[in-house]
């Protein structure tokens, strides 16, 4: 109201920065109890020791009697398809199958040729394809060959460089940590997980140990050694333990064999 007319004068107090912050819902988080942080780090240390112990105990022995039905440890030979022909199948002289002839570029048969049989008439290999083959003894003085995979070295390198560049561009230093966690994941799967399963160890236990080790590396490398990372790690490992327990119970209850 106008002061000249004798009415009361109303004064408005300007909003302070603190009141504006509270009005918009921004607040400083309460401090964390130091004892809670110590408990979390103690739990992380114990879980890390348990994970390391599990990996050591399950580490494959590397004996020569280990079976490799998927040829994961096979010595591959680079080859080039030189011809694809229809011939009588190895299992039937009446049926016709596609036989792939190839020339080997390295390995114990470098410069030689070989052939293998494709399972279907609508095979996927054509003349000029760069492939990888494996060999195995047949009888006393003969060898057989099998298709292993395509040669993907060049294209996979370009794809890897593009992926690494994108991660570094978008994630910067955190991206470097994420790449480190990814590299560790691939390393432990190749050197521990697959060999341990082929060595006859319990696949569920190996998977748990692998997932726990990957969680430690991936979270700490990507997000640092902060309290929030420890909470995320403990939560992840707790979820993993619950999942593994349920898997063990229901696999046993339903008598699943594979």
C-alpha atoms as a PDB file:
ATOM      1  CA  UNK A   1       0.000   0.000   0.000  1.00  0.00           C
ATOM      2  CA  UNK A   2       1.065   3.621  -0.458  1.00  0.00           C
ATOM      3  CA  UNK A   3       2.879   5.008   2.612  1.00  0.00           C
ATOM      4  CA  UNK A   4       1.611   8.546   1.924  1.00  0.00           C
ATOM      5  CA  UNK A   5      -1.948   7.448   2.686  1.00  0.00           C
ATOM      6  CA  UNK A   6      -1.049   6.147   6.117  1.00  0.00           C
ATOM      7  CA  UNK A   7      -1.359   2.447   5.327  1.00  0.00           C
ATOM      8  CA  UNK A   8       1.119  -0.171   6.518  1.00  0.00           C
ATOM      9  CA  UNK A   9       4.174  -0.674   4.475  1.00  0.00           C
ATOM     10  CA  UNK A  10       4.966  -4.292   3.435  1.00  0.00           C
ATOM     11  CA  UNK A  11       8.603  -5.155   2.968  1.00  0.00           C
ATOM     12  CA  UNK A  12       9.611  -8.258   1.005  1.00  0.00           C
ATOM     13  CA  UNK A  13      12.769 -10.055   2.048  1.00  0.00           C
ATOM     14  CA  UNK A  14      14.944 -10.992  -0.965  1.00  0.00           C
ATOM     15  CA  UNK A  15      15.456 -14.707  -1.413  1.00  0.00           C
ATOM     16  CA  UNK A  16      18.847 -15.883  -0.359  1.00  0.00           C
ATOM     17  CA  UNK A  17      20.900 -18.386  -2.276  1.00  0.00           C
ATOM     18  CA  UNK A  18      20.252 -20.999   0.409  1.00  0.00           C
ATOM     19  CA  UNK A  19      16.481 -20.550   0.263  1.00  0.00           C
ATOM     20  CA  UNK A  20      16.539 -20.709  -3.529  1.00  0.00           C
ATOM     21  CA  UNK A  21      18.521 -23.945  -3.401  1.00  0.00           C
ATOM     22  CA  UNK A  22      16.096 -25.488  -0.913  1.00  0.00           C
ATOM     23  CA  UNK A  23      13.176 -24.275  -2.979  1.00  0.00           C
ATOM     24  CA  UNK A  24      14.471 -26.069  -6.063  1.00  0.00           C
ATOM     25  CA  UNK A  25      15.133 -29.345  -4.242  1.00  0.00           C
ATOM     26  CA  UNK A  26      18.959 -29.124  -4.217  1.00  0.00           C
ATOM     27  CA  UNK A  27      20.556 -30.130  -0.969  1.00  0.00           C
ATOM     28  CA  UNK A  28      23.854 -31.310   0.324  1.00  0.00           C
ATOM     29  CA  UNK A  29      23.767 -35.059   1.081  1.00  0.00           C
ATOM     30  CA  UNK A  30      24.247 -35.958   4.723  1.00  0.00           C
ATOM     31  CA  UNK A  31      27.717 -37.114   5.696  1.00  0.00           C
ATOM     32  CA  UNK A  32      28.365 -40.838   5.697  1.00  0.00           C
ATOM     33  CA  UNK A  33      29.049 -42.488   9.007  1.00  0.00           C
ATOM     34  CA  UNK A  34      32.792 -43.341   9.046  1.00  0.00           C
ATOM     35  CA  UNK A  35      32.081 -46.697  10.661  1.00  0.00           C
ATOM     36  CA  UNK A  36      29.758 -47.620   7.778  1.00  0.00           C
ATOM     37  CA  UNK A  37      32.559 -46.904   5.324  1.00  0.00           C
ATOM     38  CA  UNK A  38      34.954 -49.100   7.289  1.00  0.00           C
ATOM     39  CA  UNK A  39      32.427 -51.931   7.343  1.00  0.00           C
ATOM     40  CA  UNK A  40      31.944 -51.649   3.566  1.00  0.00           C
ATOM     41  CA  UNK A  41      35.674 -51.724   2.842  1.00  0.00           C
ATOM     42  CA  UNK A  42      36.113 -54.663   5.213  1.00  0.00           C
ATOM     43  CA  UNK A  43      33.361 -56.548   3.384  1.00  0.00           C
ATOM     44  CA  UNK A  44      34.949 -55.731   0.027  1.00  0.00           C
ATOM     45  CA  UNK A  45      38.346 -56.973   1.220  1.00  0.00           C
ATOM     46  CA  UNK A  46      36.842 -60.238   2.479  1.00  0.00           C
ATOM     47  CA  UNK A  47      34.899 -60.757  -0.748  1.00  0.00           C
ATOM     48  CA  UNK A  48      38.023 -60.016  -2.779  1.00  0.00           C
ATOM     49  CA  UNK A  49      40.032 -62.569  -0.822  1.00  0.00           C
ATOM     50  CA  UNK A  50      37.269 -65.159  -1.304  1.00  0.00           C
ATOM     51  CA  UNK A  51      37.155 -64.469  -5.036  1.00  0.00           C
ATOM     52  CA  UNK A  52      40.934 -64.781  -5.374  1.00  0.00           C
ATOM     53  CA  UNK A  53      40.907 -68.036  -3.387  1.00  0.00           C
ATOM     54  CA  UNK A  54      38.157 -69.463  -5.591  1.00  0.00           C
ATOM     55  CA  UNK A  55      40.056 -68.619  -8.779  1.00  0.00           C
ATOM     56  CA  UNK A  56      43.251 -70.188  -7.402  1.00  0.00           C
ATOM     57  CA  UNK A  57      41.489 -73.382  -6.316  1.00  0.00           C
ATOM     58  CA  UNK A  58      39.586 -73.720  -9.599  1.00  0.00           C
ATOM     59  CA  UNK A  59      42.531 -72.843 -11.833  1.00  0.00           C
ATOM     60  CA  UNK A  60      42.850 -75.602 -14.470  1.00  0.00           C
ATOM     61  CA  UNK A  61      45.744 -77.996 -14.087  1.00  0.00           C
ATOM     62  CA  UNK A  62      46.551 -78.025 -17.790  1.00  0.00           C
ATOM     63  CA  UNK A  63      46.917 -81.787 -18.072  1.00  0.00           C
ATOM     64  CA  UNK A  64      47.199 -83.424 -21.482  1.00  0.00           C
ATOM     65  CA  UNK A  65      44.125 -85.596 -20.841  1.00  0.00           C
ATOM     66  CA  UNK A  66      41.736 -82.612 -20.950  1.00  0.00           C
ATOM     67  CA  UNK A  67      39.131 -83.027 -23.685  1.00  0.00           C
ATOM     68  CA  UNK A  68      38.430 -80.170 -26.078  1.00  0.00           C
ATOM     69  CA  UNK A  69      35.214 -81.031 -27.959  1.00  0.00           C
ATOM     70  CA  UNK A  70      34.752 -77.463 -29.245  1.00  0.00           C
ATOM     71  CA  UNK A  71      38.352 -77.225 -30.533  1.00  0.00           C
ATOM     72  CA  UNK A  72      38.929 -74.084 -28.450  1.00  0.00           C
ATOM     73  CA  UNK A  73      42.638 -74.863 -28.180  1.00  0.00           C
ATOM     74  CA  UNK A  74      43.078 -76.121 -31.734  1.00  0.00           C
ATOM     75  CA  UNK A  75      46.000 -75.030 -33.889  1.00  0.00           C
ATOM     76  CA  UNK A  76      44.357 -73.435 -36.910  1.00  0.00           C
ATOM     77  CA  UNK A  77      45.778 -73.252 -40.434  1.00  0.00           C
ATOM     78  CA  UNK A  78      45.186 -70.343 -42.798  1.00  0.00           C
ATOM     79  CA  UNK A  79      43.837 -71.517 -46.145  1.00  0.00           C
ATOM     80  CA  UNK A  80      42.093 -70.298 -49.286  1.00  0.00           C
ATOM     81  CA  UNK A  81      39.207 -72.100 -50.959  1.00  0.00           C
ATOM     82  CA  UNK A  82      40.202 -73.075 -54.502  1.00  0.00           C
ATOM     83  CA  UNK A  83      37.176 -75.156 -55.555  1.00  0.00           C
ATOM     84  CA  UNK A  84      33.747 -76.309 -54.403  1.00  0.00           C
ATOM     85  CA  UNK A  85      32.367 -79.462 -56.068  1.00  0.00           C
ATOM     86  CA  UNK A  86      29.455 -81.868 -55.691  1.00  0.00           C
ATOM     87  CA  UNK A  87      30.678 -85.374 -54.917  1.00  0.00           C
ATOM     88  CA  UNK A  88      29.281 -88.508 -53.248  1.00  0.00           C
ATOM     89  CA  UNK A  89      28.952 -88.027 -49.497  1.00  0.00           C
ATOM     90  CA  UNK A  90      31.331 -89.781 -47.153  1.00  0.00           C
ATOM     91  CA  UNK A  91      28.434 -91.497 -45.430  1.00  0.00           C
ATOM     92  CA  UNK A  92      26.489 -92.451 -48.577  1.00  0.00           C
ATOM     93  CA  UNK A  93      27.508 -93.133 -52.174  1.00  0.00           C
ATOM     94  CA  UNK A  94      23.993 -92.252 -53.338  1.00  0.00           C
ATOM     95  CA  UNK A  95      23.697 -88.788 -51.809  1.00  0.00           C
ATOM     96  CA  UNK A  96      25.673 -85.811 -53.097  1.00  0.00           C
ATOM     97  CA  UNK A  97      27.503 -83.351 -50.830  1.00  0.00           C
ATOM     98  CA  UNK A  98      29.562 -80.213 -51.300  1.00  0.00           C
ATOM     99  CA  UNK A  99      33.296 -80.859 -51.017  1.00  0.00           C
ATOM    100  CA  UNK A 100      35.509 -77.839 -50.390  1.00  0.00           C
ATOM    101  CA  UNK A 101      39.073 -77.942 -51.663  1.00  0.00           C
ATOM    102  CA  UNK A 102      41.567 -75.488 -50.220  1.00  0.00           C
ATOM    103  CA  UNK A 103      45.232 -74.558 -50.322  1.00  0.00           C
ATOM    104  CA  UNK A 104      47.051 -74.068 -47.022  1.00  0.00           C
ATOM    105  CA  UNK A 105      49.299 -71.066 -46.452  1.00  0.00           C
ATOM    106  CA  UNK A 106      50.946 -71.988 -43.137  1.00  0.00           C
ATOM    107  CA  UNK A 107      51.227 -74.723 -40.557  1.00  0.00           C
ATOM    108  CA  UNK A 108      52.691 -78.193 -40.990  1.00  0.00           C
ATOM    109  CA  UNK A 109      51.066 -78.562 -44.433  1.00  0.00           C
ATOM    110  CA  UNK A 110      52.010 -75.164 -45.907  1.00  0.00           C
ATOM    111  CA  UNK A 111      51.715 -75.179 -49.672  1.00  0.00           C
ATOM    112  CA  UNK A 112      49.651 -78.373 -49.715  1.00  0.00           C
ATOM    113  CA  UNK A 113      45.966 -78.873 -50.449  1.00  0.00           C
ATOM    114  CA  UNK A 114      43.158 -80.579 -48.602  1.00  0.00           C
ATOM    115  CA  UNK A 115      39.403 -80.936 -48.605  1.00  0.00           C
ATOM    116  CA  UNK A 116      36.470 -81.357 -46.271  1.00  0.00           C
ATOM    117  CA  UNK A 117      32.780 -82.044 -46.639  1.00  0.00           C
ATOM    118  CA  UNK A 118      30.093 -79.469 -45.967  1.00  0.00           C
ATOM    119  CA  UNK A 119      27.081 -80.718 -44.083  1.00  0.00           C
ATOM    120  CA  UNK A 120      24.411 -79.312 -46.439  1.00  0.00           C
ATOM    121  CA  UNK A 121      24.012 -78.720 -50.160  1.00  0.00           C
ATOM    122  CA  UNK A 122      23.351 -75.021 -49.586  1.00  0.00           C
ATOM    123  CA  UNK A 123      26.788 -74.504 -48.034  1.00  0.00           C
ATOM    124  CA  UNK A 124      28.191 -71.089 -47.253  1.00  0.00           C
ATOM    125  CA  UNK A 125      31.734 -71.362 -48.668  1.00  0.00           C
ATOM    126  CA  UNK A 126      32.704 -70.189 -52.144  1.00  0.00           C
ATOM    127  CA  UNK A 127      35.872 -70.184 -54.215  1.00  0.00           C
ATOM    128  CA  UNK A 128      38.324 -67.530 -53.036  1.00  0.00           C
ATOM    129  CA  UNK A 129      37.137 -67.413 -49.406  1.00  0.00           C
ATOM    130  CA  UNK A 130      39.901 -66.997 -46.827  1.00  0.00           C
ATOM    131  CA  UNK A 131      39.260 -69.544 -44.086  1.00  0.00           C
ATOM    132  CA  UNK A 132      40.811 -71.286 -41.105  1.00  0.00           C
ATOM    133  CA  UNK A 133      40.897 -75.089 -40.907  1.00  0.00           C
ATOM    134  CA  UNK A 134      41.956 -77.623 -38.298  1.00  0.00           C
ATOM    135  CA  UNK A 135      43.443 -81.039 -38.858  1.00  0.00           C
ATOM    136  CA  UNK A 136      43.179 -84.346 -37.018  1.00  0.00           C
ATOM    137  CA  UNK A 137      44.756 -87.778 -37.509  1.00  0.00           C
ATOM    138  CA  UNK A 138      42.814 -90.407 -39.437  1.00  0.00           C
ATOM    139  CA  UNK A 139      44.202 -93.890 -39.019  1.00  0.00           C
ATOM    140  CA  UNK A 140      47.940 -94.382 -38.832  1.00  0.00           C
ATOM    141  CA  UNK A 141      49.235 -92.344 -41.747  1.00  0.00           C
ATOM    142  CA  UNK A 142      46.471 -90.010 -42.900  1.00  0.00           C
ATOM    143  CA  UNK A 143      44.929 -86.733 -41.754  1.00  0.00           C
ATOM    144  CA  UNK A 144      41.513 -85.136 -42.065  1.00  0.00           C
ATOM    145  CA  UNK A 145      40.502 -81.483 -42.124  1.00  0.00           C
ATOM    146  CA  UNK A 146      37.548 -79.511 -40.771  1.00  0.00           C
ATOM    147  CA  UNK A 147      36.326 -75.966 -41.246  1.00  0.00           C
ATOM    148  CA  UNK A 148      37.077 -73.786 -38.217  1.00  0.00           C
ATOM    149  CA  UNK A 149      36.152 -70.199 -39.114  1.00  0.00           C
ATOM    150  CA  UNK A 150      36.642 -67.402 -41.600  1.00  0.00           C
ATOM    151  CA  UNK A 151      39.783 -65.285 -41.483  1.00  0.00           C
ATOM    152  CA  UNK A 152      38.582 -62.063 -39.886  1.00  0.00           C
ATOM    153  CA  UNK A 153      41.867 -60.500 -38.800  1.00  0.00           C
ATOM    154  CA  UNK A 154      41.765 -57.326 -40.886  1.00  0.00           C
ATOM    155  CA  UNK A 155      38.091 -56.444 -40.406  1.00  0.00           C
ATOM    156  CA  UNK A 156      38.203 -57.235 -36.680  1.00  0.00           C
ATOM    157  CA  UNK A 157      41.210 -54.946 -36.189  1.00  0.00           C
ATOM    158  CA  UNK A 158      39.391 -52.038 -37.853  1.00  0.00           C
ATOM    159  CA  UNK A 159      36.282 -52.737 -35.775  1.00  0.00           C
ATOM    160  CA  UNK A 160      38.384 -52.846 -32.596  1.00  0.00           C
ATOM    161  CA  UNK A 161      40.075 -49.535 -33.412  1.00  0.00           C
ATOM    162  CA  UNK A 162      36.701 -47.905 -34.122  1.00  0.00           C
ATOM    163  CA  UNK A 163      35.274 -49.216 -30.850  1.00  0.00           C
ATOM    164  CA  UNK A 164      38.273 -48.090 -28.781  1.00  0.00           C
ATOM    165  CA  UNK A 165      38.224 -44.649 -30.422  1.00  0.00           C
ATOM    166  CA  UNK A 166      34.510 -44.189 -29.691  1.00  0.00           C
ATOM    167  CA  UNK A 167      34.907 -45.232 -26.046  1.00  0.00           C
ATOM    168  CA  UNK A 168      37.856 -42.893 -25.516  1.00  0.00           C
ATOM    169  CA  UNK A 169      36.084 -40.013 -27.261  1.00  0.00           C
ATOM    170  CA  UNK A 170      32.905 -40.336 -25.231  1.00  0.00           C
ATOM    171  CA  UNK A 171      34.271 -41.615 -21.930  1.00  0.00           C
ATOM    172  CA  UNK A 172      37.747 -40.030 -21.812  1.00  0.00           C
ATOM    173  CA  UNK A 173      39.606 -41.210 -18.693  1.00  0.00           C
ATOM    174  CA  UNK A 174      36.608 -43.162 -17.492  1.00  0.00           C
ATOM    175  CA  UNK A 175      36.566 -44.786 -20.912  1.00  0.00           C
ATOM    176  CA  UNK A 176      40.182 -45.865 -20.387  1.00  0.00           C
ATOM    177  CA  UNK A 177      39.124 -47.592 -17.178  1.00  0.00           C
ATOM    178  CA  UNK A 178      36.180 -49.241 -18.925  1.00  0.00           C
ATOM    179  CA  UNK A 179      38.499 -50.582 -21.628  1.00  0.00           C
ATOM    180  CA  UNK A 180      40.797 -51.928 -18.922  1.00  0.00           C
ATOM    181  CA  UNK A 181      37.871 -53.740 -17.330  1.00  0.00           C
ATOM    182  CA  UNK A 182      36.837 -55.168 -20.690  1.00  0.00           C
ATOM    183  CA  UNK A 183      40.366 -56.371 -21.406  1.00  0.00           C
ATOM    184  CA  UNK A 184      40.515 -58.062 -17.994  1.00  0.00           C
ATOM    185  CA  UNK A 185      37.148 -59.720 -18.650  1.00  0.00           C
ATOM    186  CA  UNK A 186      38.334 -61.222 -21.926  1.00  0.00           C
ATOM    187  CA  UNK A 187      41.613 -62.295 -20.355  1.00  0.00           C
ATOM    188  CA  UNK A 188      40.041 -64.164 -17.443  1.00  0.00           C
ATOM    189  CA  UNK A 189      37.454 -65.848 -19.691  1.00  0.00           C
ATOM    190  CA  UNK A 190      40.132 -67.121 -22.075  1.00  0.00           C
ATOM    191  CA  UNK A 191      42.745 -68.088 -19.498  1.00  0.00           C
ATOM    192  CA  UNK A 192      40.532 -69.296 -16.648  1.00  0.00           C
ATOM    193  CA  UNK A 193      36.822 -69.772 -17.355  1.00  0.00           C
ATOM    194  CA  UNK A 194      36.844 -71.872 -20.511  1.00  0.00           C
ATOM    195  CA  UNK A 195      39.885 -74.007 -19.543  1.00  0.00           C
ATOM    196  CA  UNK A 196      38.440 -74.625 -16.050  1.00  0.00           C
ATOM    197  CA  UNK A 197      35.106 -75.823 -17.477  1.00  0.00           C
ATOM    198  CA  UNK A 198      36.890 -78.054 -19.987  1.00  0.00           C
ATOM    199  CA  UNK A 199      39.007 -79.369 -17.122  1.00  0.00           C
ATOM    200  CA  UNK A 200      35.858 -80.693 -15.456  1.00  0.00           C
ATOM    201  CA  UNK A 201      35.239 -78.061 -12.761  1.00  0.00           C
ATOM    202  CA  UNK A 202      31.693 -77.208 -11.721  1.00  0.00           C
ATOM    203  CA  UNK A 203      30.456 -74.765 -14.367  1.00  0.00           C
ATOM    204  CA  UNK A 204      28.226 -72.828 -11.943  1.00  0.00           C
ATOM    205  CA  UNK A 205      31.031 -72.290  -9.423  1.00  0.00           C
ATOM    206  CA  UNK A 206      33.442 -71.266 -12.198  1.00  0.00           C
ATOM    207  CA  UNK A 207      30.875 -68.789 -13.546  1.00  0.00           C
ATOM    208  CA  UNK A 208      30.398 -67.253 -10.086  1.00  0.00           C
ATOM    209  CA  UNK A 209      34.143 -66.851  -9.551  1.00  0.00           C
ATOM    210  CA  UNK A 210      34.520 -65.348 -13.022  1.00  0.00           C
ATOM    211  CA  UNK A 211      31.644 -62.889 -12.575  1.00  0.00           C
ATOM    212  CA  UNK A 212      32.950 -61.787  -9.168  1.00  0.00           C
ATOM    213  CA  UNK A 213      36.469 -61.191 -10.492  1.00  0.00           C
ATOM    214  CA  UNK A 214      35.113 -59.249 -13.468  1.00  0.00           C
ATOM    215  CA  UNK A 215      32.911 -57.144 -11.161  1.00  0.00           C
ATOM    216  CA  UNK A 216      35.917 -56.122  -9.057  1.00  0.00           C
ATOM    217  CA  UNK A 217      37.990 -55.115 -12.076  1.00  0.00           C
ATOM    218  CA  UNK A 218      35.234 -53.464 -14.108  1.00  0.00           C
ATOM    219  CA  UNK A 219      33.739 -51.350 -11.323  1.00  0.00           C
ATOM    220  CA  UNK A 220      36.967 -50.142  -9.731  1.00  0.00           C
ATOM    221  CA  UNK A 221      38.705 -49.423 -13.048  1.00  0.00           C
ATOM    222  CA  UNK A 222      35.731 -47.560 -14.518  1.00  0.00           C
ATOM    223  CA  UNK A 223      34.476 -45.695 -11.433  1.00  0.00           C
ATOM    224  CA  UNK A 224      37.412 -45.463  -9.062  1.00  0.00           C
ATOM    225  CA  UNK A 225      37.862 -46.520  -5.442  1.00  0.00           C
ATOM    226  CA  UNK A 226      35.020 -44.515  -3.972  1.00  0.00           C
ATOM    227  CA  UNK A 227      32.398 -45.391  -1.395  1.00  0.00           C
ATOM    228  CA  UNK A 228      29.673 -45.440  -4.049  1.00  0.00           C
ATOM    229  CA  UNK A 229      31.676 -48.008  -6.018  1.00  0.00           C
ATOM    230  CA  UNK A 230      31.978 -50.248  -2.978  1.00  0.00           C
ATOM    231  CA  UNK A 231      28.208 -50.092  -2.439  1.00  0.00           C
ATOM    232  CA  UNK A 232      27.633 -51.004  -6.088  1.00  0.00           C
ATOM    233  CA  UNK A 233      30.144 -53.854  -5.861  1.00  0.00           C
ATOM    234  CA  UNK A 234      28.673 -55.343  -2.678  1.00  0.00           C
ATOM    235  CA  UNK A 235      25.180 -55.085  -4.160  1.00  0.00           C
ATOM    236  CA  UNK A 236      26.330 -56.766  -7.373  1.00  0.00           C
ATOM    237  CA  UNK A 237      27.987 -59.619  -5.507  1.00  0.00           C
ATOM    238  CA  UNK A 238      24.932 -60.062  -3.274  1.00  0.00           C
ATOM    239  CA  UNK A 239      22.698 -60.299  -6.352  1.00  0.00           C
ATOM    240  CA  UNK A 240      25.146 -62.777  -7.858  1.00  0.00           C
ATOM    241  CA  UNK A 241      25.031 -64.935  -4.716  1.00  0.00           C
ATOM    242  CA  UNK A 242      21.217 -64.943  -4.713  1.00  0.00           C
ATOM    243  CA  UNK A 243      21.110 -65.848  -8.412  1.00  0.00           C
ATOM    244  CA  UNK A 244      23.628 -68.660  -7.957  1.00  0.00           C
ATOM    245  CA  UNK A 245      21.725 -70.046  -4.961  1.00  0.00           C
ATOM    246  CA  UNK A 246      18.433 -70.068  -6.843  1.00  0.00           C
ATOM    247  CA  UNK A 247      20.122 -71.650  -9.867  1.00  0.00           C
ATOM    248  CA  UNK A 248      21.634 -74.416  -7.758  1.00  0.00           C
ATOM    249  CA  UNK A 249      18.356 -75.127  -5.962  1.00  0.00           C
ATOM    250  CA  UNK A 250      16.163 -75.258  -9.056  1.00  0.00           C
ATOM    251  CA  UNK A 251      18.675 -77.118 -11.229  1.00  0.00           C
ATOM    252  CA  UNK A 252      18.891 -79.776  -8.533  1.00  0.00           C
ATOM    253  CA  UNK A 253      15.125 -79.835  -7.971  1.00  0.00           C
ATOM    254  CA  UNK A 254      14.343 -80.202 -11.696  1.00  0.00           C
ATOM    255  CA  UNK A 255      17.256 -82.582 -12.405  1.00  0.00           C
ATOM    256  CA  UNK A 256      18.498 -80.557 -15.363  1.00  0.00           C
ATOM    257  CA  UNK A 257      21.451 -82.192 -17.092  1.00  0.00           C
ATOM    258  CA  UNK A 258      22.456 -79.623 -19.676  1.00  0.00           C
END
